[in-house]
Amino acid sequence: MPPFSLAYGKITLRVDGRSAPRRAGATHRGTRVVVLTHDLEVRVVHAITGELL
């Protein structure tokens, strides 16, 4: 899956049919990110630098 931009500094994931919002903050608005998930663990990573947000 290609990186995507944080439009408003937040993304929403669904876990077992329920909403699980994650916020990266307004400072990261427009930042290209990669979202890594494993079970209930979620990591949001800057697409270019690899920095954990």
N, C-alpha and C. Protein backbone atom coordinates (compact mmCIF):
# COMPACT_ATOMS: atom_id res chain seq x y z
N MET A 1 0.85 -1.17 0.00
CA MET A 1 0.00 0.00 0.00
C MET A 1 0.89 1.23 0.00
N PRO A 2 0.63 2.18 -0.87
CA PRO A 2 1.46 3.39 -0.92
C PRO A 2 1.19 4.31 0.25
N PRO A 3 2.14 5.20 0.56
CA PRO A 3 1.92 6.18 1.63
C PRO A 3 0.77 7.10 1.28
N PHE A 4 0.15 7.67 2.28
CA PHE A 4 -0.89 8.66 2.05
C PHE A 4 -0.69 9.83 2.99
N SER A 5 -1.36 10.94 2.72
CA SER A 5 -1.19 12.16 3.52
C SER A 5 -2.22 12.23 4.63
N LEU A 6 -1.80 12.80 5.76
CA LEU A 6 -2.72 13.08 6.85
C LEU A 6 -3.42 14.39 6.52
N ALA A 7 -4.66 14.32 6.11
CA ALA A 7 -5.37 15.51 5.65
C ALA A 7 -5.63 16.49 6.79
N TYR A 8 -6.05 16.01 7.93
CA TYR A 8 -6.38 16.89 9.05
C TYR A 8 -5.58 16.55 10.30
N GLY A 9 -4.50 15.80 10.15
CA GLY A 9 -3.69 15.41 11.29
C GLY A 9 -4.25 14.22 12.03
N LYS A 10 -5.23 13.50 11.41
CA LYS A 10 -5.78 12.33 12.08
C LYS A 10 -6.26 11.32 11.04
N ILE A 11 -6.31 10.07 11.46
CA ILE A 11 -6.84 9.00 10.63
C ILE A 11 -7.81 8.19 11.49
N THR A 12 -8.67 7.43 10.84
CA THR A 12 -9.60 6.58 11.58
C THR A 12 -9.47 5.16 11.06
N LEU A 13 -9.29 4.23 11.97
CA LEU A 13 -9.21 2.81 11.63
C LEU A 13 -10.43 2.11 12.20
N ARG A 14 -10.77 0.99 11.64
CA ARG A 14 -11.85 0.17 12.18
C ARG A 14 -11.24 -1.10 12.75
N VAL A 15 -11.56 -1.41 14.01
CA VAL A 15 -11.11 -2.63 14.67
C VAL A 15 -12.34 -3.36 15.15
N ASP A 16 -12.55 -4.57 14.65
CA ASP A 16 -13.74 -5.36 14.98
C ASP A 16 -15.03 -4.57 14.76
N GLY A 17 -15.08 -3.78 13.70
CA GLY A 17 -16.26 -3.01 13.37
C GLY A 17 -16.45 -1.73 14.15
N ARG A 18 -15.52 -1.43 15.05
CA ARG A 18 -15.62 -0.21 15.84
C ARG A 18 -14.56 0.79 15.39
N SER A 19 -14.89 2.06 15.51
CA SER A 19 -13.97 3.12 15.14
C SER A 19 -12.83 3.21 16.16
N ALA A 20 -11.60 3.33 15.66
CA ALA A 20 -10.43 3.46 16.53
C ALA A 20 -9.61 4.65 16.02
N PRO A 21 -10.00 5.89 16.38
CA PRO A 21 -9.30 7.06 15.85
C PRO A 21 -7.87 7.18 16.37
N ARG A 22 -6.98 7.63 15.53
CA ARG A 22 -5.59 7.88 15.89
C ARG A 22 -5.25 9.30 15.48
N ARG A 23 -4.63 10.04 16.36
CA ARG A 23 -4.28 11.43 16.04
C ARG A 23 -2.77 11.59 16.00
N ALA A 24 -2.30 12.22 14.94
CA ALA A 24 -0.87 12.51 14.82
C ALA A 24 -0.60 13.96 15.15
N GLY A 25 -1.64 14.77 15.23
CA GLY A 25 -1.48 16.17 15.58
C GLY A 25 -1.44 17.08 14.37
N ALA A 26 -1.86 18.31 14.58
CA ALA A 26 -1.92 19.29 13.49
C ALA A 26 -0.55 19.60 12.92
N THR A 27 0.51 19.42 13.71
CA THR A 27 1.86 19.70 13.20
C THR A 27 2.25 18.76 12.06
N HIS A 28 1.59 17.61 11.97
CA HIS A 28 1.91 16.63 10.92
C HIS A 28 0.89 16.65 9.79
N ARG A 29 0.03 17.67 9.76
CA ARG A 29 -0.98 17.79 8.70
C ARG A 29 -0.30 17.83 7.34
N GLY A 30 -0.77 17.01 6.41
CA GLY A 30 -0.21 16.96 5.06
C GLY A 30 1.02 16.08 4.94
N THR A 31 1.49 15.52 6.04
CA THR A 31 2.67 14.65 6.03
C THR A 31 2.32 13.30 5.41
N ARG A 32 3.18 12.81 4.55
CA ARG A 32 2.96 11.48 3.98
C ARG A 32 3.39 10.44 4.99
N VAL A 33 2.48 9.49 5.26
CA VAL A 33 2.72 8.51 6.30
C VAL A 33 2.45 7.10 5.80
N VAL A 34 2.96 6.14 6.55
CA VAL A 34 2.66 4.73 6.38
C VAL A 34 2.10 4.26 7.71
N VAL A 35 0.98 3.55 7.67
CA VAL A 35 0.37 3.04 8.89
C VAL A 35 0.65 1.55 8.98
N LEU A 36 1.32 1.15 10.06
CA LEU A 36 1.65 -0.26 10.29
C LEU A 36 0.75 -0.79 11.39
N THR A 37 0.08 -1.91 11.13
CA THR A 37 -0.80 -2.50 12.14
C THR A 37 -0.47 -3.96 12.33
N HIS A 38 -0.61 -4.41 13.56
CA HIS A 38 -0.46 -5.82 13.91
C HIS A 38 -1.36 -6.07 15.10
N ASP A 39 -2.39 -6.88 14.91
CA ASP A 39 -3.41 -7.10 15.93
C ASP A 39 -3.98 -5.74 16.33
N LEU A 40 -3.84 -5.35 17.59
CA LEU A 40 -4.36 -4.06 18.05
C LEU A 40 -3.27 -3.00 18.16
N GLU A 41 -2.06 -3.32 17.76
CA GLU A 41 -0.96 -2.35 17.80
C GLU A 41 -0.94 -1.57 16.49
N VAL A 42 -0.89 -0.24 16.60
CA VAL A 42 -0.87 0.63 15.43
C VAL A 42 0.31 1.58 15.53
N ARG A 43 1.07 1.69 14.46
CA ARG A 43 2.19 2.62 14.38
C ARG A 43 2.00 3.50 13.16
N VAL A 44 2.19 4.80 13.32
CA VAL A 44 2.12 5.74 12.20
C VAL A 44 3.54 6.26 11.99
N VAL A 45 4.07 6.05 10.79
CA VAL A 45 5.47 6.33 10.49
C VAL A 45 5.54 7.34 9.34
N HIS A 46 6.43 8.32 9.46
CA HIS A 46 6.69 9.28 8.39
C HIS A 46 7.21 8.49 7.19
N ALA A 47 6.63 8.71 6.02
CA ALA A 47 6.94 7.91 4.84
C ALA A 47 8.36 8.10 4.33
N ILE A 48 8.96 9.26 4.56
CA ILE A 48 10.29 9.52 4.02
C ILE A 48 11.39 9.28 5.04
N THR A 49 11.23 9.80 6.25
CA THR A 49 12.28 9.69 7.25
C THR A 49 12.20 8.43 8.10
N GLY A 50 11.01 7.80 8.16
CA GLY A 50 10.84 6.62 9.01
C GLY A 50 10.60 6.96 10.46
N GLU A 51 10.46 8.25 10.76
CA GLU A 51 10.24 8.70 12.15
C GLU A 51 8.87 8.22 12.62
N LEU A 52 8.81 7.70 13.84
CA LEU A 52 7.56 7.27 14.45
C LEU A 52 6.80 8.51 14.91
N LEU A 53 5.56 8.68 14.46
CA LEU A 53 4.78 9.86 14.82
C LEU A 53 3.87 9.57 15.99
